Amino acid sequence: MATFTLALIQMLVVGGDRQVNLRHAGEQIKEAAQHGAQIILLPEAMDLGWTHPSALAEAQAIPDGETCQFLTAQAKKYKVYIVSGLIEKDENTVYNSAVIINPAGQVILKHRKINELDIGHPYYAVGDRLNVVKTELGTLGLMICADANTPDLLLTRSLCYMGADIILSPCSWAVKADHDNTKEPYGDLWKNAYKPVAKDFSVWIAGCSNVGWMNGGPWKGWRGIGCSLVIDANGEEAMFGPYGVEADTILYVDITPQKRQAQGTNWPSMWQKK
C-alpha cells in the first residue's frame, strides 16, 4: 500500500449554524485538496456542533440531507475521500454520526456513535454496529471521539480485528473556560487511548477535533481546543495539533499503512477437534 497524505481540518465549528460551518468546511476542503491530501478528516458534529440543542430540530438524513449532499459534492469535485461527523435524522431518531465518502461522491461507510457521553443522550440515540471499508489506500475504520475510550479500548480493538489499517475519528475535544494548558496539558487521555491499540495492531489512528467556544447545550461556555492527534503504526505520536479556541488550521500527515496479518485467537486445546 502506497503512502498518502491525510489532512485533518481542525476547524472552527459554530454551534447551531450549519451554513457558516459548511461554508468554512468547503474553504478548508478546497485548500487541503489543492495541497495534495487524498483523505480529508473533519471534526465530530461538524455541521451543528456537539450537543448543541439544534440537533433535535435540524438533524438531517444521510445521504439526502444538505450536509451530506454538500460533502459528497465536495468529494466528487476534488476527487478526494472525505470523512466527517454530522448530525443525522433517521425517521424520528437523531444520531451523532460520521461518514466516509469516496472520490466519486458516494457514502461508502456510515457510523453512529456508540460510546456517547451521558450528557449527549438527550440529543442522540446510540449506534449499534461497527464496520470498516476497503479502499485502494487501505482498509479504513471509522469511530467517533469517545468511542476510543471504552473499557479495554474495546471498540477500537474491534475495528482492528475487522481489518482496519487506518482508523479515522471525528472528535469534539473541549475543556472548561478556565482550563490552564500550561498546568494541565491537554491530550494524554487520547494518547493513552490510541497508542496501545496502534502498537498492538500496527495501525494508524487519527482524531480530528474542532475549535471555538461552545455556545449552547450542557457544555455552553466550554472551549473547543483542537489538539488533533495522529498515532502511527508503531504506537508513536506522528502529529499533535495546536491548542486553543483560535487554533483553526489544517494539519497534514503522510500515512504509510502497514501490511499486517489477520488477527485471530488460538482456541484452548480441549476445544480443538482431535
C-alpha atoms as a PDB file:
ATOM      1  CA  MET A   1       0.000   0.000   0.000  1.00  0.00           C
ATOM      2  CA  ALA A   2       1.395   3.368  -1.049  1.00  0.00           C
ATOM      3  CA  THR A   3       1.942   6.404   1.155  1.00  0.00           C
ATOM      4  CA  PHE A   4      -0.821   9.012   1.012  1.00  0.00           C
ATOM      5  CA  THR A   5      -1.464  12.408   2.596  1.00  0.00           C
ATOM      6  CA  LEU A   6      -4.107  12.806   5.282  1.00  0.00           C
ATOM      7  CA  ALA A   7      -5.422  16.295   6.058  1.00  0.00           C
ATOM      8  CA  LEU A   8      -7.020  16.981   9.430  1.00  0.00           C
ATOM      9  CA  ILE A   9      -9.244  20.054   9.271  1.00  0.00           C
ATOM     10  CA  GLN A  10      -9.105  21.414  12.816  1.00  0.00           C
ATOM     11  CA  MET A  11     -11.813  23.971  12.084  1.00  0.00           C
ATOM     12  CA  LEU A  12     -13.907  26.477  13.987  1.00  0.00           C
ATOM     13  CA  VAL A  13     -17.392  24.999  14.460  1.00  0.00           C
ATOM     14  CA  VAL A  14     -20.178  27.437  15.372  1.00  0.00           C
ATOM     15  CA  GLY A  15     -22.921  25.675  17.312  1.00  0.00           C
ATOM     16  CA  GLY A  16     -26.265  25.672  15.529  1.00  0.00           C
ATOM     17  CA  ASP A  17     -25.077  27.462  12.374  1.00  0.00           C
ATOM     18  CA  ARG A  18     -24.964  24.916   9.571  1.00  0.00           C
ATOM     19  CA  GLN A  19     -24.419  27.444   6.781  1.00  0.00           C
ATOM     20  CA  VAL A  20     -21.394  29.067   8.412  1.00  0.00           C
ATOM     21  CA  ASN A  21     -19.877  25.676   9.170  1.00  0.00           C
ATOM     22  CA  LEU A  22     -20.430  24.253   5.694  1.00  0.00           C
ATOM     23  CA  ARG A  23     -19.028  27.361   4.055  1.00  0.00           C
ATOM     24  CA  HIS A  24     -15.892  27.193   6.191  1.00  0.00           C
ATOM     25  CA  ALA A  25     -15.542  23.436   5.681  1.00  0.00           C
ATOM     26  CA  GLY A  26     -15.757  23.986   1.937  1.00  0.00           C
ATOM     27  CA  GLU A  27     -12.936  26.528   2.034  1.00  0.00           C
ATOM     28  CA  GLN A  28     -10.763  24.178   4.057  1.00  0.00           C
ATOM     29  CA  ILE A  29     -11.543  21.139   1.902  1.00  0.00           C
ATOM     30  CA  LYS A  30     -10.512  23.088  -1.210  1.00  0.00           C
ATOM     31  CA  GLU A  31      -7.226  24.138   0.383  1.00  0.00           C
ATOM     32  CA  ALA A  32      -6.470  20.611   1.623  1.00  0.00           C
ATOM     33  CA  ALA A  33      -7.217  19.070  -1.766  1.00  0.00           C
ATOM     34  CA  GLN A  34      -5.009  21.609  -3.535  1.00  0.00           C
ATOM     35  CA  HIS A  35      -2.250  20.739  -1.054  1.00  0.00           C
ATOM     36  CA  GLY A  36      -2.439  17.127  -2.241  1.00  0.00           C
ATOM     37  CA  ALA A  37      -4.469  15.469   0.504  1.00  0.00           C
ATOM     38  CA  GLN A  38      -6.160  12.239  -0.559  1.00  0.00           C
ATOM     39  CA  ILE A  39      -8.184  11.772   2.632  1.00  0.00           C
ATOM     40  CA  ILE A  40      -9.647  14.771   4.457  1.00  0.00           C
ATOM     41  CA  LEU A  41     -10.826  14.324   8.056  1.00  0.00           C
ATOM     42  CA  LEU A  42     -13.210  16.815   9.686  1.00  0.00           C
ATOM     43  CA  PRO A  43     -14.492  17.081  13.287  1.00  0.00           C
ATOM     44  CA  GLU A  44     -17.407  15.455  15.097  1.00  0.00           C
ATOM     45  CA  ALA A  45     -20.810  17.135  14.574  1.00  0.00           C
ATOM     46  CA  MET A  46     -19.158  19.472  12.078  1.00  0.00           C
ATOM     47  CA  ASP A  47     -22.479  20.891  10.871  1.00  0.00           C
ATOM     48  CA  LEU A  48     -24.208  21.816  14.158  1.00  0.00           C
ATOM     49  CA  GLY A  49     -21.685  21.306  16.946  1.00  0.00           C
ATOM     50  CA  TRP A  50     -21.610  18.556  19.554  1.00  0.00           C
ATOM     51  CA  THR A  51     -24.586  18.580  21.990  1.00  0.00           C
ATOM     52  CA  HIS A  52     -25.941  21.799  20.551  1.00  0.00           C
ATOM     53  CA  PRO A  53     -29.729  21.801  21.092  1.00  0.00           C
ATOM     54  CA  SER A  54     -30.312  22.500  17.390  1.00  0.00           C
ATOM     55  CA  ALA A  55     -29.707  18.790  16.788  1.00  0.00           C
ATOM     56  CA  LEU A  56     -33.251  17.952  17.852  1.00  0.00           C
ATOM     57  CA  ALA A  57     -34.846  20.206  15.241  1.00  0.00           C
ATOM     58  CA  GLU A  58     -32.244  20.446  12.490  1.00  0.00           C
ATOM     59  CA  ALA A  59     -30.715  16.987  12.106  1.00  0.00           C
ATOM     60  CA  GLN A  60     -30.860  15.735   8.524  1.00  0.00           C
ATOM     61  CA  ALA A  61     -30.903  12.436   6.682  1.00  0.00           C
ATOM     62  CA  ILE A  62     -27.898  10.601   5.289  1.00  0.00           C
ATOM     63  CA  PRO A  63     -27.262  10.777   2.353  1.00  0.00           C
ATOM     64  CA  ASP A  64     -30.118  13.056   1.271  1.00  0.00           C
ATOM     65  CA  GLY A  65     -29.723  15.918   3.769  1.00  0.00           C
ATOM     66  CA  GLU A  66     -27.998  19.195   2.961  1.00  0.00           C
ATOM     67  CA  THR A  67     -24.839  18.460   4.959  1.00  0.00           C
ATOM     68  CA  CYS A  68     -24.209  15.074   3.406  1.00  0.00           C
ATOM     69  CA  GLN A  69     -25.062  16.309  -0.082  1.00  0.00           C
ATOM     70  CA  PHE A  70     -22.594  19.151   0.372  1.00  0.00           C
ATOM     71  CA  LEU A  71     -19.848  16.762   1.457  1.00  0.00           C
ATOM     72  CA  THR A  72     -20.488  14.295  -1.361  1.00  0.00           C
ATOM     73  CA  ALA A  73     -20.325  17.141  -3.885  1.00  0.00           C
ATOM     74  CA  GLN A  74     -17.022  18.331  -2.413  1.00  0.00           C
ATOM     75  CA  ALA A  75     -15.533  14.837  -2.507  1.00  0.00           C
ATOM     76  CA  LYS A  76     -16.552  14.417  -6.142  1.00  0.00           C
ATOM     77  CA  LYS A  77     -15.380  17.900  -7.132  1.00  0.00           C
ATOM     78  CA  TYR A  78     -11.899  17.490  -5.669  1.00  0.00           C
ATOM     79  CA  LYS A  79     -11.583  13.715  -6.176  1.00  0.00           C
ATOM     80  CA  VAL A  80     -10.780  13.041  -2.510  1.00  0.00           C
ATOM     81  CA  TYR A  81     -12.058  10.910   0.338  1.00  0.00           C
ATOM     82  CA  ILE A  82     -13.920  12.998   2.925  1.00  0.00           C
ATOM     83  CA  VAL A  83     -14.548  11.762   6.462  1.00  0.00           C
ATOM     84  CA  SER A  84     -16.763  13.903   8.650  1.00  0.00           C
ATOM     85  CA  GLY A  85     -19.019  13.939  11.643  1.00  0.00           C
ATOM     86  CA  LEU A  86     -22.579  15.169  11.119  1.00  0.00           C
ATOM     87  CA  ILE A  87     -25.893  15.045  12.941  1.00  0.00           C
ATOM     88  CA  GLU A  88     -28.241  12.515  11.357  1.00  0.00           C
ATOM     89  CA  LYS A  89     -32.014  12.146  11.478  1.00  0.00           C
ATOM     90  CA  ASP A  90     -33.480   8.754  10.600  1.00  0.00           C
ATOM     91  CA  GLU A  91     -37.274   8.987  10.722  1.00  0.00           C
ATOM     92  CA  ASN A  92     -37.884  10.257  14.282  1.00  0.00           C
ATOM     93  CA  THR A  93     -34.463   9.392  15.714  1.00  0.00           C
ATOM     94  CA  VAL A  94     -31.363  11.599  15.878  1.00  0.00           C
ATOM     95  CA  TYR A  95     -27.838  10.154  15.836  1.00  0.00           C
ATOM     96  CA  ASN A  96     -24.334  11.525  16.272  1.00  0.00           C
ATOM     97  CA  SER A  97     -22.973  10.059  13.048  1.00  0.00           C
ATOM     98  CA  ALA A  98     -19.990  10.096  10.728  1.00  0.00           C
ATOM     99  CA  VAL A  99     -19.474   9.136   7.089  1.00  0.00           C
ATOM    100  CA  ILE A 100     -16.709   8.148   4.716  1.00  0.00           C
ATOM    101  CA  ILE A 101     -17.301   9.464   1.204  1.00  0.00           C
ATOM    102  CA  ASN A 102     -15.242   8.277  -1.758  1.00  0.00           C
ATOM    103  CA  PRO A 103     -13.895  10.430  -4.631  1.00  0.00           C
ATOM    104  CA  ALA A 104     -16.934   9.504  -6.727  1.00  0.00           C
ATOM    105  CA  GLY A 105     -19.136  11.239  -4.153  1.00  0.00           C
ATOM    106  CA  GLN A 106     -20.603   8.048  -2.668  1.00  0.00           C
ATOM    107  CA  VAL A 107     -21.130   7.360   1.023  1.00  0.00           C
ATOM    108  CA  ILE A 108     -19.244   4.094   1.457  1.00  0.00           C
ATOM    109  CA  LEU A 109     -19.472   3.820   5.255  1.00  0.00           C
ATOM    110  CA  LYS A 110     -21.682   5.340   7.950  1.00  0.00           C
ATOM    111  CA  HIS A 111     -21.102   5.059  11.691  1.00  0.00           C
ATOM    112  CA  ARG A 112     -23.363   6.077  14.563  1.00  0.00           C
ATOM    113  CA  LYS A 113     -21.520   6.884  17.790  1.00  0.00           C
ATOM    114  CA  ILE A 114     -21.788   4.081  20.329  1.00  0.00           C
ATOM    115  CA  ASN A 115     -19.995   5.367  23.431  1.00  0.00           C
ATOM    116  CA  GLU A 116     -21.858   8.658  23.770  1.00  0.00           C
ATOM    117  CA  LEU A 117     -21.311  10.604  26.984  1.00  0.00           C
ATOM    118  CA  ASP A 118     -24.262  10.820  29.353  1.00  0.00           C
ATOM    119  CA  ILE A 119     -24.800  14.487  28.537  1.00  0.00           C
ATOM    120  CA  GLY A 120     -25.227  13.554  24.879  1.00  0.00           C
ATOM    121  CA  HIS A 121     -28.071  11.107  25.481  1.00  0.00           C
ATOM    122  CA  PRO A 122     -30.837  13.750  25.492  1.00  0.00           C
ATOM    123  CA  TYR A 123     -29.810  14.615  21.925  1.00  0.00           C
ATOM    124  CA  TYR A 124     -28.575  11.422  20.295  1.00  0.00           C
ATOM    125  CA  ALA A 125     -29.607   7.791  20.156  1.00  0.00           C
ATOM    126  CA  VAL A 126     -26.839   5.197  20.468  1.00  0.00           C
ATOM    127  CA  GLY A 127     -25.395   3.344  17.488  1.00  0.00           C
ATOM    128  CA  ASP A 128     -25.402  -0.448  17.361  1.00  0.00           C
ATOM    129  CA  ARG A 129     -22.630  -1.535  14.988  1.00  0.00           C
ATOM    130  CA  LEU A 130     -19.060  -1.059  13.753  1.00  0.00           C
ATOM    131  CA  ASN A 131     -17.705  -1.500  10.257  1.00  0.00           C
ATOM    132  CA  VAL A 132     -14.693  -0.987   8.004  1.00  0.00           C
ATOM    133  CA  VAL A 133     -14.384  -0.351   4.279  1.00  0.00           C
ATOM    134  CA  LYS A 134     -11.664  -1.421   1.858  1.00  0.00           C
ATOM    135  CA  THR A 135     -10.167   1.235  -0.414  1.00  0.00           C
ATOM    136  CA  GLU A 136      -7.108   1.500  -2.630  1.00  0.00           C
ATOM    137  CA  LEU A 137      -5.447   3.461   0.204  1.00  0.00           C
ATOM    138  CA  GLY A 138      -6.060   0.731   2.767  1.00  0.00           C
ATOM    139  CA  THR A 139      -8.909  -0.560   4.896  1.00  0.00           C
ATOM    140  CA  LEU A 140     -10.497   2.349   6.735  1.00  0.00           C
ATOM    141  CA  GLY A 141     -12.159   2.046  10.133  1.00  0.00           C
ATOM    142  CA  LEU A 142     -14.469   4.740  11.481  1.00  0.00           C
ATOM    143  CA  MET A 143     -15.321   5.746  15.042  1.00  0.00           C
ATOM    144  CA  ILE A 144     -16.310   8.984  16.809  1.00  0.00           C
ATOM    145  CA  CYS A 145     -14.492  10.644  19.724  1.00  0.00           C
ATOM    146  CA  ALA A 146     -15.322   8.772  22.966  1.00  0.00           C
ATOM    147  CA  ASP A 147     -15.764   5.511  21.067  1.00  0.00           C
ATOM    148  CA  ALA A 148     -11.998   5.313  21.595  1.00  0.00           C
ATOM    149  CA  ASN A 149     -12.349   5.406  25.364  1.00  0.00           C
ATOM    150  CA  THR A 150     -14.308   2.289  26.275  1.00  0.00           C
ATOM    151  CA  PRO A 151     -13.022  -0.205  28.889  1.00  0.00           C
ATOM    152  CA  ASP A 152     -10.159  -2.220  27.407  1.00  0.00           C
ATOM    153  CA  LEU A 153     -10.352   0.103  24.363  1.00  0.00           C
ATOM    154  CA  LEU A 154     -12.803  -2.459  23.041  1.00  0.00           C
ATOM    155  CA  LEU A 155     -14.355  -0.581  20.115  1.00  0.00           C
ATOM    156  CA  THR A 156     -11.013   0.493  18.663  1.00  0.00           C
ATOM    157  CA  ARG A 157      -9.613  -3.003  19.027  1.00  0.00           C
ATOM    158  CA  SER A 158     -12.718  -4.419  17.361  1.00  0.00           C
ATOM    159  CA  LEU A 159     -12.087  -2.271  14.295  1.00  0.00           C
ATOM    160  CA  CYS A 160      -8.579  -3.712  14.172  1.00  0.00           C
ATOM    161  CA  TYR A 161      -9.898  -7.272  14.337  1.00  0.00           C
ATOM    162  CA  MET A 162     -12.184  -6.326  11.440  1.00  0.00           C
ATOM    163  CA  GLY A 163      -9.098  -5.483   9.386  1.00  0.00           C
ATOM    164  CA  ALA A 164      -8.654  -1.717   9.684  1.00  0.00           C
ATOM    165  CA  ASP A 165      -5.289  -0.342   8.554  1.00  0.00           C
ATOM    166  CA  ILE A 166      -6.198   3.252   9.426  1.00  0.00           C
ATOM    167  CA  ILE A 167      -8.817   4.307  11.983  1.00  0.00           C
ATOM    168  CA  LEU A 168     -10.318   7.762  11.492  1.00  0.00           C
ATOM    169  CA  SER A 169     -12.173   9.561  14.268  1.00  0.00           C
ATOM    170  CA  PRO A 170     -14.070  12.861  14.040  1.00  0.00           C
ATOM    171  CA  CYS A 171     -13.864  14.382  17.548  1.00  0.00           C
ATOM    172  CA  SER A 172     -15.003  17.329  19.634  1.00  0.00           C
ATOM    173  CA  TRP A 173     -12.486  17.819  22.445  1.00  0.00           C
ATOM    174  CA  ALA A 174     -13.347  20.590  24.901  1.00  0.00           C
ATOM    175  CA  VAL A 175     -12.261  21.980  28.264  1.00  0.00           C
ATOM    176  CA  LYS A 176     -13.783  24.301  30.856  1.00  0.00           C
ATOM    177  CA  ALA A 177     -13.338  28.015  30.247  1.00  0.00           C
ATOM    178  CA  ASP A 178     -10.726  28.342  32.997  1.00  0.00           C
ATOM    179  CA  HIS A 179      -8.577  25.410  31.889  1.00  0.00           C
ATOM    180  CA  ASP A 180      -4.868  26.251  32.070  1.00  0.00           C
ATOM    181  CA  ASN A 181      -2.997  24.239  29.472  1.00  0.00           C
ATOM    182  CA  THR A 182       0.389  25.160  30.935  1.00  0.00           C
ATOM    183  CA  LYS A 183      -0.525  23.461  34.210  1.00  0.00           C
ATOM    184  CA  GLU A 184      -2.630  20.633  32.784  1.00  0.00           C
ATOM    185  CA  PRO A 185      -1.520  19.967  29.205  1.00  0.00           C
ATOM    186  CA  TYR A 186      -4.377  18.508  27.191  1.00  0.00           C
ATOM    187  CA  GLY A 187      -4.062  15.283  25.260  1.00  0.00           C
ATOM    188  CA  ASP A 188      -2.941  12.396  27.473  1.00  0.00           C
ATOM    189  CA  LEU A 189      -6.462  10.942  27.604  1.00  0.00           C
ATOM    190  CA  TRP A 190      -6.448  10.382  23.856  1.00  0.00           C
ATOM    191  CA  LYS A 191      -2.785   9.457  23.519  1.00  0.00           C
ATOM    192  CA  ASN A 192      -3.334   6.757  26.146  1.00  0.00           C
ATOM    193  CA  ALA A 193      -6.403   5.534  24.257  1.00  0.00           C
ATOM    194  CA  TYR A 194      -4.779   5.491  20.809  1.00  0.00           C
ATOM    195  CA  LYS A 195      -1.190   4.386  21.402  1.00  0.00           C
ATOM    196  CA  PRO A 196      -1.689   0.866  22.846  1.00  0.00           C
ATOM    197  CA  VAL A 197      -4.057  -0.173  20.063  1.00  0.00           C
ATOM    198  CA  ALA A 198      -1.912   1.339  17.318  1.00  0.00           C
ATOM    199  CA  LYS A 199       1.136  -0.512  18.631  1.00  0.00           C
ATOM    200  CA  ASP A 200      -0.616  -3.836  19.267  1.00  0.00           C
ATOM    201  CA  PHE A 201      -2.198  -3.972  15.796  1.00  0.00           C
ATOM    202  CA  SER A 202       0.241  -1.877  13.700  1.00  0.00           C
ATOM    203  CA  VAL A 203      -2.498   0.542  12.661  1.00  0.00           C
ATOM    204  CA  TRP A 204      -2.615   4.312  12.260  1.00  0.00           C
ATOM    205  CA  ILE A 205      -5.201   6.195  14.347  1.00  0.00           C
ATOM    206  CA  ALA A 206      -6.193   9.813  13.673  1.00  0.00           C
ATOM    207  CA  GLY A 207      -8.568  12.024  15.650  1.00  0.00           C
ATOM    208  CA  CYS A 208      -9.575  15.467  14.374  1.00  0.00           C
ATOM    209  CA  SER A 209     -11.218  17.942  16.752  1.00  0.00           C
ATOM    210  CA  ASN A 210     -12.864  21.322  16.245  1.00  0.00           C
ATOM    211  CA  VAL A 211     -12.042  24.623  17.938  1.00  0.00           C
ATOM    212  CA  GLY A 212     -14.170  27.527  19.215  1.00  0.00           C
ATOM    213  CA  TRP A 213     -16.456  28.437  22.091  1.00  0.00           C
ATOM    214  CA  MET A 214     -19.426  26.130  22.716  1.00  0.00           C
ATOM    215  CA  ASN A 215     -22.495  28.373  22.591  1.00  0.00           C
ATOM    216  CA  GLY A 216     -25.296  26.008  23.613  1.00  0.00           C
ATOM    217  CA  GLY A 217     -26.116  22.771  25.382  1.00  0.00           C
ATOM    218  CA  PRO A 218     -24.746  21.297  28.624  1.00  0.00           C
ATOM    219  CA  TRP A 219     -21.188  22.475  27.952  1.00  0.00           C
ATOM    220  CA  LYS A 220     -22.124  26.034  26.976  1.00  0.00           C
ATOM    221  CA  GLY A 221     -19.152  28.234  27.823  1.00  0.00           C
ATOM    222  CA  TRP A 222     -16.612  25.438  27.387  1.00  0.00           C
ATOM    223  CA  ARG A 223     -13.842  25.763  24.810  1.00  0.00           C
ATOM    224  CA  GLY A 224     -13.207  23.507  21.838  1.00  0.00           C
ATOM    225  CA  ILE A 225      -9.432  23.414  21.736  1.00  0.00           C
ATOM    226  CA  GLY A 226      -8.272  21.250  18.847  1.00  0.00           C
ATOM    227  CA  CYS A 227      -5.197  19.177  19.755  1.00  0.00           C
ATOM    228  CA  SER A 228      -5.955  16.870  16.824  1.00  0.00           C
ATOM    229  CA  LEU A 229      -3.850  13.752  17.043  1.00  0.00           C
ATOM    230  CA  VAL A 230      -2.259  11.121  14.811  1.00  0.00           C
ATOM    231  CA  ILE A 231      -0.565   7.992  16.156  1.00  0.00           C
ATOM    232  CA  ASP A 232       1.488   5.900  13.745  1.00  0.00           C
ATOM    233  CA  ALA A 233       1.585   2.133  13.301  1.00  0.00           C
ATOM    234  CA  ASN A 234       4.405   1.839  15.849  1.00  0.00           C
ATOM    235  CA  GLY A 235       2.296   3.476  18.539  1.00  0.00           C
ATOM    236  CA  GLU A 236       4.278   6.723  18.348  1.00  0.00           C
ATOM    237  CA  GLU A 237       2.968  10.264  18.085  1.00  0.00           C
ATOM    238  CA  ALA A 238       3.135  11.369  14.457  1.00  0.00           C
ATOM    239  CA  MET A 239       1.315  14.683  14.870  1.00  0.00           C
ATOM    240  CA  PHE A 240      -0.264  16.678  17.694  1.00  0.00           C
ATOM    241  CA  GLY A 241      -2.224  19.770  16.715  1.00  0.00           C
ATOM    242  CA  PRO A 242      -2.179  23.190  18.369  1.00  0.00           C
ATOM    243  CA  TYR A 243      -4.357  24.034  21.384  1.00  0.00           C
ATOM    244  CA  GLY A 244      -6.881  26.863  21.666  1.00  0.00           C
ATOM    245  CA  VAL A 245     -10.231  28.298  20.588  1.00  0.00           C
ATOM    246  CA  GLU A 246      -8.473  30.145  17.750  1.00  0.00           C
ATOM    247  CA  ALA A 247      -6.327  27.209  16.592  1.00  0.00           C
ATOM    248  CA  ASP A 248      -8.264  26.885  13.329  1.00  0.00           C
ATOM    249  CA  THR A 249      -5.860  25.178  10.937  1.00  0.00           C
ATOM    250  CA  ILE A 250      -5.238  22.322   8.529  1.00  0.00           C
ATOM    251  CA  LEU A 251      -2.736  19.666   9.574  1.00  0.00           C
ATOM    252  CA  TYR A 252      -1.054  17.257   7.170  1.00  0.00           C
ATOM    253  CA  VAL A 253       0.432  13.844   7.807  1.00  0.00           C
ATOM    254  CA  ASP A 254       1.872  11.320   5.360  1.00  0.00           C
ATOM    255  CA  ILE A 255       0.422   7.890   6.114  1.00  0.00           C
ATOM    256  CA  THR A 256       2.016   4.588   5.104  1.00  0.00           C
ATOM    257  CA  PRO A 257      -0.355   1.742   6.014  1.00  0.00           C
ATOM    258  CA  GLN A 258       1.339  -1.398   7.299  1.00  0.00           C
ATOM    259  CA  LYS A 259       0.809  -4.788   5.751  1.00  0.00           C
ATOM    260  CA  ARG A 260      -0.364  -6.974   8.587  1.00  0.00           C
ATOM    261  CA  GLN A 261      -1.747 -10.440   9.020  1.00  0.00           C
ATOM    262  CA  ALA A 262      -5.307 -11.077  10.120  1.00  0.00           C
ATOM    263  CA  GLN A 263      -5.716 -11.234  13.874  1.00  0.00           C
ATOM    264  CA  GLY A 264      -7.004 -14.444  15.415  1.00  0.00           C
ATOM    265  CA  THR A 265      -7.235 -16.481  18.577  1.00  0.00           C
ATOM    266  CA  ASN A 266      -5.806 -19.910  19.320  1.00  0.00           C
ATOM    267  CA  TRP A 267      -8.542 -21.907  20.991  1.00  0.00           C
ATOM    268  CA  PRO A 268      -7.637 -23.929  24.085  1.00  0.00           C
ATOM    269  CA  SER A 269      -6.579 -27.420  23.085  1.00  0.00           C
ATOM    270  CA  MET A 270      -9.550 -29.013  24.861  1.00  0.00           C
ATOM    271  CA  TRP A 271     -11.844 -27.252  22.365  1.00  0.00           C
ATOM    272  CA  GLN A 272      -9.965 -28.283  19.271  1.00  0.00           C
ATOM    273  CA  LYS A 273     -11.094 -31.230  17.211  1.00  0.00           C
ATOM    274  CA  LYS A 274      -8.961 -34.289  17.683  1.00  0.00           C
END
